[in-house]
Amino acid sequence: MTNPRSFARESGTWRAINITIPDEVYQIIRREKYARETTYAEVITHAILTTYAPHTKDKTNETETR
């Protein structure tokens, strides 16, 4: 079993934070926390944005007309 505290260790420093989060945010963090190409802060940011950011239509393929 993996030590759960190992996820909070970055740059040789132990970091701790106690926050209350909704279950949907927690589930995203649990799913992504072992993707070590990202930092813990990036995982939390992504989870919060995925849950709370307004879902907008992708406009990358649209052309602007005036």
PDB file of N, CA and C in Angstrom:
ATOM      1  N   MET A   1       0.844  -1.188   0.000  1.00  0.00           N
ATOM      2  CA  MET A   1       0.000   0.000   0.000  1.00  0.00           C
ATOM      3  C   MET A   1       0.882   1.241   0.000  1.00  0.00           C
ATOM      4  N   THR A   2       0.500   2.206  -0.784  1.00  0.00           N
ATOM      5  CA  THR A   2       1.245   3.450  -0.893  1.00  0.00           C
ATOM      6  C   THR A   2       0.971   4.332   0.315  1.00  0.00           C
ATOM      7  N   ASN A   3       2.030   4.968   0.796  1.00  0.00           N
ATOM      8  CA  ASN A   3       1.884   5.897   1.905  1.00  0.00           C
ATOM      9  C   ASN A   3       1.076   7.104   1.427  1.00  0.00           C
ATOM     10  N   PRO A   4      -0.079   7.391   2.005  1.00  0.00           N
ATOM     11  CA  PRO A   4      -0.908   8.495   1.523  1.00  0.00           C
ATOM     12  C   PRO A   4      -0.229   9.852   1.641  1.00  0.00           C
ATOM     13  N   ARG A   5       0.717   9.984   2.563  1.00  0.00           N
ATOM     14  CA  ARG A   5       1.406  11.263   2.714  1.00  0.00           C
ATOM     15  C   ARG A   5       2.385  11.524   1.582  1.00  0.00           C
ATOM     16  N   SER A   6       2.791  10.479   0.853  1.00  0.00           N
ATOM     17  CA  SER A   6       3.768  10.674  -0.215  1.00  0.00           C
ATOM     18  C   SER A   6       3.217  11.579  -1.310  1.00  0.00           C
ATOM     19  N   PHE A   7       1.912  11.652  -1.426  1.00  0.00           N
ATOM     20  CA  PHE A   7       1.290  12.516  -2.425  1.00  0.00           C
ATOM     21  C   PHE A   7       1.508  13.987  -2.096  1.00  0.00           C
ATOM     22  N   ALA A   8       1.614  14.311  -0.835  1.00  0.00           N
ATOM     23  CA  ALA A   8       1.752  15.702  -0.420  1.00  0.00           C
ATOM     24  C   ALA A   8       3.207  16.157  -0.361  1.00  0.00           C
ATOM     25  N   ARG A   9       4.132  15.299  -0.737  1.00  0.00           N
ATOM     26  CA  ARG A   9       5.536  15.674  -0.644  1.00  0.00           C
ATOM     27  C   ARG A   9       6.025  16.177  -1.996  1.00  0.00           C
ATOM     28  N   GLU A  10       6.450  17.415  -2.028  1.00  0.00           N
ATOM     29  CA  GLU A  10       7.002  18.029  -3.227  1.00  0.00           C
ATOM     30  C   GLU A  10       8.254  18.791  -2.834  1.00  0.00           C
ATOM     31  N   SER A  11       9.267  18.697  -3.655  1.00  0.00           N
ATOM     32  CA  SER A  11      10.524  19.428  -3.448  1.00  0.00           C
ATOM     33  C   SER A  11      11.144  19.128  -2.089  1.00  0.00           C
ATOM     34  N   GLY A  12      10.973  17.916  -1.600  1.00  0.00           N
ATOM     35  CA  GLY A  12      11.583  17.524  -0.339  1.00  0.00           C
ATOM     36  C   GLY A  12      10.922  18.121   0.883  1.00  0.00           C
ATOM     37  N   THR A  13       9.806  18.782   0.727  1.00  0.00           N
ATOM     38  CA  THR A  13       9.115  19.414   1.842  1.00  0.00           C
ATOM     39  C   THR A  13       7.754  18.764   2.025  1.00  0.00           C
ATOM     40  N   TRP A  14       7.436  18.422   3.265  1.00  0.00           N
ATOM     41  CA  TRP A  14       6.107  17.881   3.552  1.00  0.00           C
ATOM     42  C   TRP A  14       5.136  19.037   3.644  1.00  0.00           C
ATOM     43  N   ARG A  15       4.019  18.896   2.968  1.00  0.00           N
ATOM     44  CA  ARG A  15       2.993  19.934   2.996  1.00  0.00           C
ATOM     45  C   ARG A  15       1.693  19.316   3.483  1.00  0.00           C
ATOM     46  N   ALA A  16       0.963  20.058   4.262  1.00  0.00           N
ATOM     47  CA  ALA A  16      -0.316  19.555   4.763  1.00  0.00           C
ATOM     48  C   ALA A  16      -1.355  20.660   4.658  1.00  0.00           C
ATOM     49  N   ILE A  17      -2.567  20.250   4.343  1.00  0.00           N
ATOM     50  CA  ILE A  17      -3.675  21.191   4.282  1.00  0.00           C
ATOM     51  C   ILE A  17      -4.943  20.432   4.661  1.00  0.00           C
ATOM     52  N   ASN A  18      -5.749  21.042   5.460  1.00  0.00           N
ATOM     53  CA  ASN A  18      -7.026  20.453   5.841  1.00  0.00           C
ATOM     54  C   ASN A  18      -8.139  21.324   5.286  1.00  0.00           C
ATOM     55  N   ILE A  19      -8.866  20.781   4.326  1.00  0.00           N
ATOM     56  CA  ILE A  19      -9.983  21.503   3.737  1.00  0.00           C
ATOM     57  C   ILE A  19     -11.165  20.556   3.612  1.00  0.00           C
ATOM     58  N   THR A  20     -12.334  21.115   3.569  1.00  0.00           N
ATOM     59  CA  THR A  20     -13.537  20.327   3.332  1.00  0.00           C
ATOM     60  C   THR A  20     -13.954  20.560   1.890  1.00  0.00           C
ATOM     61  N   ILE A  21     -14.087  19.468   1.145  1.00  0.00           N
ATOM     62  CA  ILE A  21     -14.430  19.570  -0.270  1.00  0.00           C
ATOM     63  C   ILE A  21     -15.587  18.638  -0.587  1.00  0.00           C
ATOM     64  N   PRO A  22     -16.349  18.976  -1.614  1.00  0.00           N
ATOM     65  CA  PRO A  22     -17.438  18.094  -2.032  1.00  0.00           C
ATOM     66  C   PRO A  22     -16.887  16.773  -2.570  1.00  0.00           C
ATOM     67  N   ASP A  23     -17.703  15.756  -2.527  1.00  0.00           N
ATOM     68  CA  ASP A  23     -17.288  14.428  -2.957  1.00  0.00           C
ATOM     69  C   ASP A  23     -16.837  14.399  -4.411  1.00  0.00           C
ATOM     70  N   GLU A  24     -17.493  15.162  -5.296  1.00  0.00           N
ATOM     71  CA  GLU A  24     -17.106  15.122  -6.711  1.00  0.00           C
ATOM     72  C   GLU A  24     -15.691  15.665  -6.930  1.00  0.00           C
ATOM     73  N   VAL A  25     -15.278  16.671  -6.142  1.00  0.00           N
ATOM     74  CA  VAL A  25     -13.909  17.179  -6.228  1.00  0.00           C
ATOM     75  C   VAL A  25     -12.942  16.128  -5.689  1.00  0.00           C
ATOM     76  N   TYR A  26     -13.289  15.519  -4.569  1.00  0.00           N
ATOM     77  CA  TYR A  26     -12.441  14.492  -3.967  1.00  0.00           C
ATOM     78  C   TYR A  26     -12.219  13.318  -4.923  1.00  0.00           C
ATOM     79  N   GLN A  27     -13.254  12.901  -5.619  1.00  0.00           N
ATOM     80  CA  GLN A  27     -13.132  11.766  -6.540  1.00  0.00           C
ATOM     81  C   GLN A  27     -12.163  12.081  -7.679  1.00  0.00           C
ATOM     82  N   ILE A  28     -12.194  13.304  -8.192  1.00  0.00           N
ATOM     83  CA  ILE A  28     -11.264  13.694  -9.253  1.00  0.00           C
ATOM     84  C   ILE A  28      -9.835  13.689  -8.722  1.00  0.00           C
ATOM     85  N   ILE A  29      -9.629  14.226  -7.530  1.00  0.00           N
ATOM     86  CA  ILE A  29      -8.290  14.241  -6.934  1.00  0.00           C
ATOM     87  C   ILE A  29      -7.786  12.821  -6.732  1.00  0.00           C
ATOM     88  N   ARG A  30      -8.616  11.940  -6.211  1.00  0.00           N
ATOM     89  CA  ARG A  30      -8.209  10.544  -5.999  1.00  0.00           C
ATOM     90  C   ARG A  30      -7.834   9.868  -7.307  1.00  0.00           C
ATOM     91  N   ARG A  31      -8.575  10.166  -8.382  1.00  0.00           N
ATOM     92  CA  ARG A  31      -8.298   9.553  -9.682  1.00  0.00           C
ATOM     93  C   ARG A  31      -6.976  10.032 -10.262  1.00  0.00           C
ATOM     94  N   GLU A  32      -6.658  11.309 -10.085  1.00  0.00           N
ATOM     95  CA  GLU A  32      -5.514  11.907 -10.759  1.00  0.00           C
ATOM     96  C   GLU A  32      -4.265  12.027  -9.900  1.00  0.00           C
ATOM     97  N   LYS A  33      -4.338  11.696  -8.639  1.00  0.00           N
ATOM     98  CA  LYS A  33      -3.219  12.007  -7.757  1.00  0.00           C
ATOM     99  C   LYS A  33      -1.952  11.218  -8.045  1.00  0.00           C
ATOM    100  N   TYR A  34      -2.045  10.103  -8.711  1.00  0.00           N
ATOM    101  CA  TYR A  34      -0.846   9.319  -8.984  1.00  0.00           C
ATOM    102  C   TYR A  34      -0.230   9.652 -10.332  1.00  0.00           C
ATOM    103  N   ALA A  35      -0.757  10.625 -11.039  1.00  0.00           N
ATOM    104  CA  ALA A  35      -0.158  11.085 -12.289  1.00  0.00           C
ATOM    105  C   ALA A  35       0.977  12.036 -11.915  1.00  0.00           C
ATOM    106  N   ARG A  36       2.161  11.511 -11.767  1.00  0.00           N
ATOM    107  CA  ARG A  36       3.267  12.293 -11.223  1.00  0.00           C
ATOM    108  C   ARG A  36       3.829  13.339 -12.176  1.00  0.00           C
ATOM    109  N   GLU A  37       3.338  13.422 -13.405  1.00  0.00           N
ATOM    110  CA  GLU A  37       3.805  14.489 -14.278  1.00  0.00           C
ATOM    111  C   GLU A  37       3.174  15.826 -13.907  1.00  0.00           C
ATOM    112  N   THR A  38       2.237  15.802 -12.967  1.00  0.00           N
ATOM    113  CA  THR A  38       1.619  17.031 -12.481  1.00  0.00           C
ATOM    114  C   THR A  38       1.909  17.193 -11.000  1.00  0.00           C
ATOM    115  N   THR A  39       1.829  18.423 -10.524  1.00  0.00           N
ATOM    116  CA  THR A  39       2.031  18.671  -9.101  1.00  0.00           C
ATOM    117  C   THR A  39       0.708  18.510  -8.361  1.00  0.00           C
ATOM    118  N   TYR A  40       0.799  18.404  -7.069  1.00  0.00           N
ATOM    119  CA  TYR A  40      -0.389  18.286  -6.227  1.00  0.00           C
ATOM    120  C   TYR A  40      -1.301  19.495  -6.424  1.00  0.00           C
ATOM    121  N   ALA A  41      -0.706  20.678  -6.489  1.00  0.00           N
ATOM    122  CA  ALA A  41      -1.496  21.898  -6.683  1.00  0.00           C
ATOM    123  C   ALA A  41      -2.232  21.865  -8.017  1.00  0.00           C
ATOM    124  N   GLU A  42      -1.585  21.351  -9.066  1.00  0.00           N
ATOM    125  CA  GLU A  42      -2.235  21.261 -10.373  1.00  0.00           C
ATOM    126  C   GLU A  42      -3.400  20.283 -10.352  1.00  0.00           C
ATOM    127  N   VAL A  43      -3.242  19.183  -9.625  1.00  0.00           N
ATOM    128  CA  VAL A  43      -4.323  18.199  -9.514  1.00  0.00           C
ATOM    129  C   VAL A  43      -5.528  18.819  -8.812  1.00  0.00           C
ATOM    130  N   ILE A  44      -5.287  19.533  -7.714  1.00  0.00           N
ATOM    131  CA  ILE A  44      -6.381  20.165  -6.971  1.00  0.00           C
ATOM    132  C   ILE A  44      -7.042  21.256  -7.817  1.00  0.00           C
ATOM    133  N   THR A  45      -6.231  22.069  -8.489  1.00  0.00           N
ATOM    134  CA  THR A  45      -6.779  23.124  -9.346  1.00  0.00           C
ATOM    135  C   THR A  45      -7.652  22.537 -10.434  1.00  0.00           C
ATOM    136  N   HIS A  46      -7.169  21.489 -11.080  1.00  0.00           N
ATOM    137  CA  HIS A  46      -7.942  20.848 -12.147  1.00  0.00           C
ATOM    138  C   HIS A  46      -9.258  20.287 -11.608  1.00  0.00           C
ATOM    139  N   ALA A  47      -9.219  19.663 -10.436  1.00  0.00           N
ATOM    140  CA  ALA A  47     -10.432  19.089  -9.852  1.00  0.00           C
ATOM    141  C   ALA A  47     -11.464  20.168  -9.554  1.00  0.00           C
ATOM    142  N   ILE A  48     -11.015  21.285  -9.002  1.00  0.00           N
ATOM    143  CA  ILE A  48     -11.940  22.374  -8.674  1.00  0.00           C
ATOM    144  C   ILE A  48     -12.502  23.009  -9.944  1.00  0.00           C
ATOM    145  N   LEU A  49     -11.640  23.256 -10.929  1.00  0.00           N
ATOM    146  CA  LEU A  49     -12.117  23.853 -12.178  1.00  0.00           C
ATOM    147  C   LEU A  49     -13.062  22.921 -12.918  1.00  0.00           C
ATOM    148  N   THR A  50     -12.766  21.629 -12.909  1.00  0.00           N
ATOM    149  CA  THR A  50     -13.638  20.664 -13.569  1.00  0.00           C
ATOM    150  C   THR A  50     -15.021  20.658 -12.934  1.00  0.00           C
ATOM    151  N   THR A  51     -15.062  20.808 -11.622  1.00  0.00           N
ATOM    152  CA  THR A  51     -16.332  20.765 -10.908  1.00  0.00           C
ATOM    153  C   THR A  51     -17.100  22.079 -10.991  1.00  0.00           C
ATOM    154  N   TYR A  52     -16.413  23.205 -10.855  1.00  0.00           N
ATOM    155  CA  TYR A  52     -17.106  24.482 -10.695  1.00  0.00           C
ATOM    156  C   TYR A  52     -17.032  25.441 -11.874  1.00  0.00           C
ATOM    157  N   ALA A  53     -16.079  25.286 -12.780  1.00  0.00           N
ATOM    158  CA  ALA A  53     -15.954  26.230 -13.897  1.00  0.00           C
ATOM    159  C   ALA A  53     -17.151  26.088 -14.825  1.00  0.00           C
ATOM    160  N   PRO A  54     -17.609  27.205 -15.357  1.00  0.00           N
ATOM    161  CA  PRO A  54     -18.731  27.102 -16.299  1.00  0.00           C
ATOM    162  C   PRO A  54     -18.287  26.343 -17.544  1.00  0.00           C
ATOM    163  N   HIS A  55     -19.122  25.445 -17.982  1.00  0.00           N
ATOM    164  CA  HIS A  55     -18.808  24.668 -19.172  1.00  0.00           C
ATOM    165  C   HIS A  55     -19.172  25.506 -20.389  1.00  0.00           C
ATOM    166  N   THR A  56     -18.160  25.839 -21.175  1.00  0.00           N
ATOM    167  CA  THR A  56     -18.374  26.681 -22.346  1.00  0.00           C
ATOM    168  C   THR A  56     -18.181  25.872 -23.611  1.00  0.00           C
ATOM    169  N   LYS A  57     -18.778  26.350 -24.661  1.00  0.00           N
ATOM    170  CA  LYS A  57     -18.651  25.693 -25.952  1.00  0.00           C
ATOM    171  C   LYS A  57     -17.236  25.917 -26.482  1.00  0.00           C
ATOM    172  N   ASP A  58     -16.641  24.887 -27.049  1.00  0.00           N
ATOM    173  CA  ASP A  58     -15.309  24.990 -27.625  1.00  0.00           C
ATOM    174  C   ASP A  58     -15.391  25.800 -28.912  1.00  0.00           C
ATOM    175  N   LYS A  59     -14.695  26.924 -28.947  1.00  0.00           N
ATOM    176  CA  LYS A  59     -14.765  27.808 -30.104  1.00  0.00           C
ATOM    177  C   LYS A  59     -13.509  27.734 -30.966  1.00  0.00           C
ATOM    178  N   THR A  60     -12.688  26.733 -30.790  1.00  0.00           N
ATOM    179  CA  THR A  60     -11.430  26.671 -31.522  1.00  0.00           C
ATOM    180  C   THR A  60     -11.628  26.455 -33.007  1.00  0.00           C
ATOM    181  N   ASN A  61     -12.711  25.837 -33.426  1.00  0.00           N
ATOM    182  CA  ASN A  61     -12.935  25.557 -34.839  1.00  0.00           C
ATOM    183  C   ASN A  61     -13.892  26.541 -35.507  1.00  0.00           C
ATOM    184  N   GLU A  62     -14.337  27.527 -34.770  1.00  0.00           N
ATOM    185  CA  GLU A  62     -15.257  28.507 -35.330  1.00  0.00           C
ATOM    186  C   GLU A  62     -14.480  29.680 -35.915  1.00  0.00           C
ATOM    187  N   THR A  63     -15.008  30.257 -36.954  1.00  0.00           N
ATOM    188  CA  THR A  63     -14.395  31.459 -37.526  1.00  0.00           C
ATOM    189  C   THR A  63     -15.199  32.666 -37.089  1.00  0.00           C
ATOM    190  N   GLU A  64     -14.497  33.752 -36.906  1.00  0.00           N
ATOM    191  CA  GLU A  64     -15.157  34.972 -36.454  1.00  0.00           C
ATOM    192  C   GLU A  64     -15.698  35.724 -37.662  1.00  0.00           C
ATOM    193  N   THR A  65     -16.943  36.095 -37.599  1.00  0.00           N
ATOM    194  CA  THR A  65     -17.547  36.874 -38.685  1.00  0.00           C
ATOM    195  C   THR A  65     -18.014  38.207 -38.142  1.00  0.00           C
ATOM    196  N   ARG A  66     -17.808  39.242 -38.912  1.00  0.00           N
ATOM    197  CA  ARG A  66     -18.229  40.592 -38.508  1.00  0.00           C
ATOM    198  C   ARG A  66     -18.907  41.258 -39.655  1.00  0.00           C
TER     199      ARG A  66
END
